[in-house]
Protein backbone atom coordinates (compact mmCIF):
# COMPACT_ATOMS: atom_id res chain seq x y z
CA MET A 1 18.25 30.37 -16.96
CA GLY A 2 19.17 27.32 -19.07
CA HIS A 3 19.31 23.70 -17.95
CA ASP A 4 23.03 23.87 -17.10
CA GLY A 5 22.49 27.11 -15.22
CA LYS A 6 19.70 25.59 -13.15
CA LYS A 7 21.85 22.56 -12.41
CA ARG A 8 24.75 24.71 -11.23
CA TYR A 9 22.35 26.79 -9.12
CA ARG A 10 20.97 23.65 -7.42
CA TRP A 11 24.47 22.42 -6.68
CA ARG A 12 25.44 25.80 -5.21
CA ILE A 13 22.36 25.67 -2.96
CA ILE A 14 23.18 22.12 -1.83
CA ILE A 15 26.82 22.99 -1.15
CA GLY A 16 25.73 26.07 0.81
CA GLN A 17 23.28 24.02 2.88
CA VAL A 18 25.91 21.38 3.67
CA ALA A 19 28.43 24.07 4.59
CA LEU A 20 25.93 25.75 6.95
CA LEU A 21 25.09 22.40 8.59
CA ILE A 22 28.78 21.55 9.08
CA ALA A 23 29.44 25.02 10.51
CA CYS A 24 26.57 24.69 13.02
CA LEU A 25 27.72 21.23 14.09
CA GLY A 26 31.29 22.48 14.38
CA ILE A 27 30.21 25.34 16.65
CA ILE A 28 28.26 22.93 18.88
CA GLU A 29 31.26 20.57 19.00
CA TYR A 30 33.53 23.44 20.07
CA LEU A 31 31.09 24.76 22.70
CA VAL A 32 30.79 21.36 24.39
CA ARG A 33 34.47 20.42 24.12
CA ALA A 34 35.50 23.81 25.53
CA GLU A 35 32.93 23.25 28.32
CA ILE A 36 31.24 26.55 27.49
CA VAL A 37 28.02 24.50 27.43
CA GLY A 38 27.75 21.52 29.76
CA SER A 39 27.53 18.04 28.23
CA LEU A 40 24.42 17.44 30.34
CA TYR A 41 22.52 20.01 28.27
CA LEU A 42 24.11 19.54 24.86
CA SER A 43 26.08 16.69 23.34
CA LYS A 44 29.00 16.71 20.93
CA PRO A 45 27.85 15.84 17.39
CA THR A 46 30.67 13.30 17.12
CA GLN A 47 29.39 11.57 20.25
CA VAL A 48 25.84 11.61 18.88
CA VAL A 49 27.08 9.88 15.71
CA GLU A 50 28.79 7.26 17.89
CA GLU A 51 25.55 6.64 19.80
CA ILE A 52 23.57 6.27 16.58
CA TYR A 53 26.13 3.75 15.34
CA LYS A 54 25.84 1.79 18.62
CA LEU A 55 22.04 1.77 18.45
CA PHE A 56 22.08 0.21 14.98
CA ALA A 57 25.17 -1.96 15.53
CA ASP A 58 23.66 -3.52 18.66
CA GLY A 59 20.32 -3.88 16.94
CA GLU A 60 18.73 -2.19 19.95
CA ILE A 61 16.76 0.30 17.91
CA PHE A 62 15.26 -1.92 15.21
CA HIS A 63 12.45 -3.35 17.34
CA ASP A 64 11.52 0.06 18.75
CA LEU A 65 11.68 1.67 15.30
CA PHE A 66 9.37 -1.02 13.90
CA VAL A 67 6.89 -0.54 16.75
CA THR A 68 6.77 3.24 16.28
CA LEU A 69 6.39 2.99 12.49
CA LYS A 70 3.62 0.40 12.87
CA GLU A 71 1.70 2.68 15.24
CA PHE A 72 2.25 5.68 13.00
CA ALA A 73 1.31 3.89 9.76
CA ALA A 74 -1.95 2.50 11.15
CA GLY A 75 -3.07 5.80 12.68
CA TYR A 76 -1.93 7.91 9.74
CA LEU A 77 -3.60 5.81 7.05
CA LEU A 78 -6.85 5.70 9.03
CA SER A 79 -6.79 9.47 9.54
CA ALA A 80 -5.98 10.11 5.86
CA PHE A 81 -8.89 7.97 4.68
CA ALA A 82 -11.32 9.33 7.29
CA GLY A 83 -10.15 12.94 6.91
CA ILE A 84 -10.48 13.02 3.12
CA ALA A 85 -13.82 11.18 3.23
CA THR A 86 -15.16 13.54 5.91
CA GLY A 87 -14.04 16.63 4.00
CA MET A 88 -15.67 15.39 0.81
CA PHE A 89 -18.88 14.50 2.64
CA LEU A 90 -19.18 17.91 4.30
CA VAL A 91 -18.68 19.82 1.05
CA LEU A 92 -20.45 17.62 -1.48
CA VAL A 93 -23.56 16.73 0.54
CA PRO A 94 -25.95 19.71 0.69
CA HIS A 95 -26.14 21.44 4.10
CA ALA A 96 -23.78 18.87 5.69
CA GLU A 97 -21.01 21.38 6.37
CA ASN A 98 -23.35 23.92 7.97
CA PHE A 99 -24.74 21.23 10.25
CA PHE A 100 -21.57 19.33 11.24
CA ARG A 101 -18.83 21.99 11.09
CA PRO A 102 -19.51 23.43 14.61
CA PHE A 103 -19.13 19.95 16.09
CA LEU A 104 -15.94 19.31 14.13
CA SER A 105 -14.52 22.69 15.18
CA ALA A 106 -15.37 21.95 18.81
CA LEU A 107 -13.58 18.59 18.66
CA LEU A 108 -10.57 20.28 17.03
CA ALA A 109 -10.42 22.78 19.90
CA VAL A 110 -10.18 20.05 22.55
CA PRO A 111 -6.50 19.79 23.66
CA LYS A 112 -5.23 16.37 22.61
CA VAL A 113 -3.16 15.92 25.79
CA THR A 114 -6.32 16.01 27.90
CA ILE A 115 -7.78 13.05 26.01
CA ILE A 116 -4.74 10.78 26.28
CA PRO A 117 -5.45 9.69 29.90
CA LEU A 118 -9.01 8.80 28.84
CA LEU A 119 -7.67 6.87 25.85
CA MET A 120 -5.48 4.89 28.26
CA LEU A 121 -8.59 4.10 30.32
CA TRP A 122 -10.62 3.10 27.26
CA LEU A 123 -7.98 1.37 25.12
CA GLY A 124 -5.18 0.40 27.52
CA ILE A 125 -1.54 1.12 26.64
CA GLY A 126 -1.19 -1.16 23.64
CA LEU A 127 -1.20 -0.56 19.90
CA SER A 128 -4.77 0.77 19.73
CA HIS A 129 -3.89 3.52 22.22
CA LYS A 130 -1.04 4.85 20.06
CA VAL A 131 -3.06 4.48 16.84
CA ALA A 132 -5.85 6.57 18.37
CA ILE A 133 -3.38 9.30 19.38
CA VAL A 134 -1.85 9.43 15.89
CA PHE A 135 -5.36 9.56 14.42
CA LEU A 136 -6.29 12.54 16.61
CA PHE A 137 -3.07 14.36 15.72
CA CYS A 138 -3.72 13.96 11.96
CA PHE A 139 -7.44 13.74 11.26
CA PHE A 140 -8.56 17.34 11.71
CA THR A 141 -5.74 18.84 9.65
CA ILE A 142 -6.55 16.53 6.74
CA ALA A 143 -10.31 17.03 7.01
CA PHE A 144 -10.22 20.84 7.09
CA ASN A 145 -7.64 21.04 4.29
CA THR A 146 -9.75 18.71 2.17
CA ILE A 147 -12.73 21.03 2.68
CA THR A 148 -10.61 24.03 1.68
CA GLY A 149 -9.18 22.26 -1.37
CA ILE A 150 -12.56 21.15 -2.69
CA LYS A 151 -13.99 24.65 -2.28
CA GLN A 152 -11.14 26.00 -4.42
CA THR A 153 -12.31 24.01 -7.45
CA ALA A 154 -12.80 26.44 -10.31
CA GLU A 155 -16.45 26.96 -11.23
CA ALA A 156 -15.48 26.94 -14.92
CA HIS A 157 -14.19 23.36 -14.58
CA LEU A 158 -17.45 22.26 -12.96
CA LYS A 159 -19.42 23.92 -15.76
CA VAL A 160 -17.38 22.05 -18.38
CA ALA A 161 -18.13 18.77 -16.55
CA ARG A 162 -21.85 19.59 -16.60
CA VAL A 163 -21.71 20.49 -20.30
CA PHE A 164 -20.19 17.08 -21.08
CA GLU A 165 -22.85 15.47 -18.86
CA ALA A 166 -20.32 13.94 -16.50
CA SER A 167 -21.77 11.82 -13.72
CA LYS A 168 -21.34 12.79 -10.06
CA LEU A 169 -18.60 10.20 -9.64
CA GLN A 170 -16.78 11.35 -12.80
CA THR A 171 -16.95 14.97 -11.64
CA ILE A 172 -15.44 14.03 -8.28
CA VAL A 173 -12.66 11.86 -9.75
CA LYS A 174 -11.85 13.95 -12.84
CA VAL A 175 -12.44 17.50 -11.59
CA ILE A 176 -12.85 17.96 -7.84
CA LEU A 177 -10.13 15.65 -6.47
CA PRO A 178 -7.43 16.78 -8.96
CA SER A 179 -8.23 20.39 -8.08
CA ALA A 180 -8.10 19.70 -4.35
CA ALA A 181 -5.06 17.41 -4.54
CA PRO A 182 -2.35 20.07 -3.86
CA THR A 183 -4.12 21.27 -0.70
CA ILE A 184 -4.82 17.71 0.45
CA PHE A 185 -1.18 16.72 0.00
CA VAL A 186 -0.06 19.75 2.00
CA SER A 187 -2.14 18.44 4.90
CA LEU A 188 -0.76 14.92 4.40
CA ARG A 189 2.81 16.25 4.65
CA VAL A 190 2.09 18.28 7.77
CA SER A 191 0.16 15.42 9.36
CA ALA A 192 2.99 12.97 8.65
CA ALA A 193 5.30 14.96 10.93
CA THR A 194 2.69 15.63 13.62
CA GLY A 195 1.49 12.02 13.50
CA LEU A 196 4.98 10.70 14.17
CA VAL A 197 5.25 13.13 17.09
CA GLY A 198 1.90 11.80 18.32
CA ALA A 199 3.17 8.22 18.25
CA LEU A 200 6.29 9.24 20.19
CA PHE A 201 4.23 11.21 22.70
CA GLY A 202 1.96 8.23 23.31
CA GLU A 203 4.99 5.99 23.87
CA MET A 204 6.54 8.50 26.25
CA VAL A 205 3.35 8.64 28.31
CA ALA A 206 2.72 4.90 28.53
CA SER A 207 4.62 2.22 26.65
CA LYS A 208 7.25 -0.46 27.08
CA ASP A 209 8.39 -0.27 23.45
CA GLY A 210 8.99 2.26 20.70
CA LEU A 211 11.34 5.15 20.11
CA GLY A 212 9.43 7.30 22.59
CA ASN A 213 10.05 4.77 25.35
CA LEU A 214 13.71 4.57 24.32
CA LEU A 215 13.94 8.36 24.52
CA VAL A 216 12.42 8.39 28.01
CA GLU A 217 14.97 5.80 29.15
CA ALA A 218 17.85 7.87 27.77
CA THR A 219 16.68 11.12 29.38
CA SER A 220 15.96 9.43 32.72
CA LEU A 221 19.61 8.27 32.77
CA TYR A 222 20.80 11.74 31.66
CA ASP A 223 22.31 10.13 28.56
CA THR A 224 22.16 13.28 26.45
CA ALA A 225 24.13 11.86 23.52
CA LYS A 226 21.80 8.87 23.20
CA ALA A 227 18.74 11.14 23.48
CA PHE A 228 20.04 13.36 20.66
CA GLY A 229 20.84 10.24 18.65
CA ILE A 230 17.24 9.02 18.94
CA ILE A 231 15.93 12.49 18.06
CA THR A 232 18.19 12.49 14.98
CA VAL A 233 16.85 9.09 13.90
CA VAL A 234 13.26 10.32 14.33
CA THR A 235 14.05 13.43 12.28
CA VAL A 236 15.55 11.38 9.45
CA VAL A 237 12.58 9.00 9.46
CA SER A 238 10.19 11.97 9.34
CA VAL A 239 12.07 13.48 6.37
CA LEU A 240 11.96 10.14 4.54
CA ILE A 241 8.21 9.78 5.13
CA ILE A 242 7.59 13.28 3.79
CA GLY A 243 9.82 12.44 0.80
CA VAL A 244 7.64 9.41 0.04
CA ILE A 245 4.51 11.59 0.22
CA ASP A 246 6.14 14.13 -2.15
CA LEU A 247 6.92 11.33 -4.61
CA LEU A 248 3.35 10.02 -4.32
CA GLU A 249 1.99 13.52 -4.91
CA LYS A 250 4.02 13.92 -8.10
CA ARG A 251 2.82 10.59 -9.45
CA VAL A 252 -0.82 11.08 -8.52
CA VAL A 253 -1.08 14.69 -9.68
CA LEU A 254 0.75 13.97 -12.95
CA LYS A 255 -1.53 10.98 -13.58
CA TRP A 256 -4.62 13.12 -12.99
CA LYS A 257 -3.29 15.91 -15.21
CA SER A 258 -2.49 13.51 -18.03
CA SER A 259 -5.98 11.97 -17.83
């Protein structure tokens, strides 16, 4: 398939996706307008769009959006750094994985929702509480994927590094991390979505600010359209965050490959 053929194929896919989305929204609009489904359970897409416009026009959502993103960014960056560092430590330090992995697996198995009340007791209901929740939602996925990615490093590449007498640091930067990068970035993408959910969950449990608190207020008033509007905003934000990670992956991986 030539360049023009690939371009036409991409456009056909995009047009098909847009058509499917419009069809689904049209069906929902009809079901609610015809009162086949009650407006308490499902909202008209046109009404959801109106609510989103009101949220941004009134400026009501900006403060809450900033609070949620601040909580997410702090917890996510901490978990990314700690998760990658932990994964590297467990694989690269002799016997470390055999010793620490049972403890890490046990912590992973603990349901996160059972810890949240304790986090409220230890940290209160402020920023640190939400950051800790985001960290717990992201850390283990990143750590275990980092372990898996490093273990997938081809032995031939390590042998070449030894032949050229590369130092330990050079081997890690030039061989191990580039090899593990695709697996690590998969975990970063997955954790971005789950981390944002963690921030929202923390706000829904105990917070006076944030999109989670705004969502609780909407559902408590049975304002279905506003609730769906907030969910739509969260979805768009999540997609944008994942898009940024994809762009970062392309730049980092290409830089490593070129070097």
